[in-house]
Amino acid sequence: MTSKLHDIFSELQHAGIHYAVLRSDQKSGTAHLTEMALLLDPAHVKKLTCVLSKLGFARLPNRQVANGTVFICFVQSACSWLQIEIVSELHYGSSQPHIGVPLAHECLQFRQKRDSAYVLAPQHALVTLLLHALLDRGVFNTVAIAQLRKAWKEIAENPAAAAHLDELVSRILAPAITPQLLKKALATSDWPHLLSQQKKLHRQLLRTTPLQALLQKATGRSTHAIATLPKILWRRGISVALLTSDGVVQSSLANSLQQDHTLRMRTLAGIGSGQIASLRLREQAIQPAFAGNGHFSQIEPNGKALREKTINKKPEVHWRQSLSARYQRSQGRFVLLERHFLDAWMTRQSYTFGQNSRDTFFGKYMPKPDLVIFIDTPDWPKQQRQKYLALQMRFPRMVVVDGNRNTNEVEAEVKSLIWSHYRFRNGTKIFHGVGRGNLAAEPAS
């Protein structure tokens, strides 16, 4: 992640973009996420959009905020997401940022360079962090406390910065928070006392510019409403089908994609496969290797299958799921087609023309995946593997992922492919690693 940030800041400096890092926060959990907020000169917004697009960033409809633009990127080497929020003005407020603070120009004027990035001067960093904690979040978390202490330590070592801080507090925060109150709270870590001044500070800032605050709130709501129009008209999500011989690996990978709070994938399990597989078993007296919503546990001597109730879905159930998948995709969301009907197709032996026509009828209205990811493992039978590889003729957007690796590496590559295809579908014509030429005919090494 450090190298990715270094590349971003180098590109911004090379493009002559006037910016400063407002704050950064690294979150860890099921899905790693690094969040960063950049304060930008309004004249450089379009230029920054072009730079970030070249670096692998894109916008997600479910990640937009009222007072800025959010760009997302997946870093495969770190198996982590990087989120950058771009703002050109400073507005605060918990639900709807509407309280404007005239500090943006001054923050950019006094910015300082640290390593490869431009950051706020310590006095401006302390004031903006304090406003963010009080008015936006209403709490001092451990990251905010650490950043406030770091800024306060730098200010204490610089008399000029300390004098500038007193002037800023007297001009913006007083009388709710005076310079003496702030210094005492920072020296003694009295965060509850600062929180007790939250409502008083909110009313004070609201009284200074009441008309601007009202206009900002109305503008923010209308902007949010208008922002849904492009999402409906041209924002397209993608549907992804996972194919693998190991049901445990498939379920584990699908569960990881579901728990990724950045992708927020909608999962449709066993779509189409149950009806097709159950019809086939009426004609075969064999035990299938099928992992659907249920399992076939026994075959009677006359060739009829003893099926669990969960597997025998009616065609209208699958078609209803198909409509749901298409709707989610039209809203710009990610749809995971787990245990897709392609799995059932690959388990067949040999069929007549009439039987193939029946399969085509049931599969015609099933959702066709935009991206097919085949997890190739060494335990695949050669004949079965060739059947899966032959799917490239039907689905050009299919890619083979080497499954003979660490689980985290496989997960990182799958997420990277999904993100690249999403960017490709939404205007960024960059899609690495996907295409007919990437389907290897040799076994995975």
Foldseek 3Di string as FASTA:
>chain_A
DVVLVLVLLVLCVVLVWQKAWLDWDWDDDLATEIETEMAGAVVCPVVSVVSVLVSAWDFALVPQALAWGKIWHADLVVSHIYIYTYHHFDFFAAPAGQQGDPCSVVQSVQWDDDDSGTHGQLLVSLVSLLRCCLGHVLHQDPRSLVSNLVSVVVCVVPVVSLVVSQVVCCVQVPPLAHSVNVVVCNVVVVVVVSSVSSVVSVVVSCVVCVPSSVVSRVSSVVVSVVSQVCLLVAQFAFEEEEAELDPVLLVVLVVSCCPHPVQVAAEDFQQLQLQLLQVVQQPAQDAFSADGPFHFDHADPVRHTDDDPVRNDDLVVNLVVQVVVRVCRSSNHYYYYYSHNVVNVLRDDDDDPVSVVVSCVSCVSHDDGLAYEYAAEQPDDLVSVVSVLVCCVVHFFYAYDHNPDDSSSSSSVVVNQSSLVSSCSRPSVDHPRTGNVRRDSDHHD
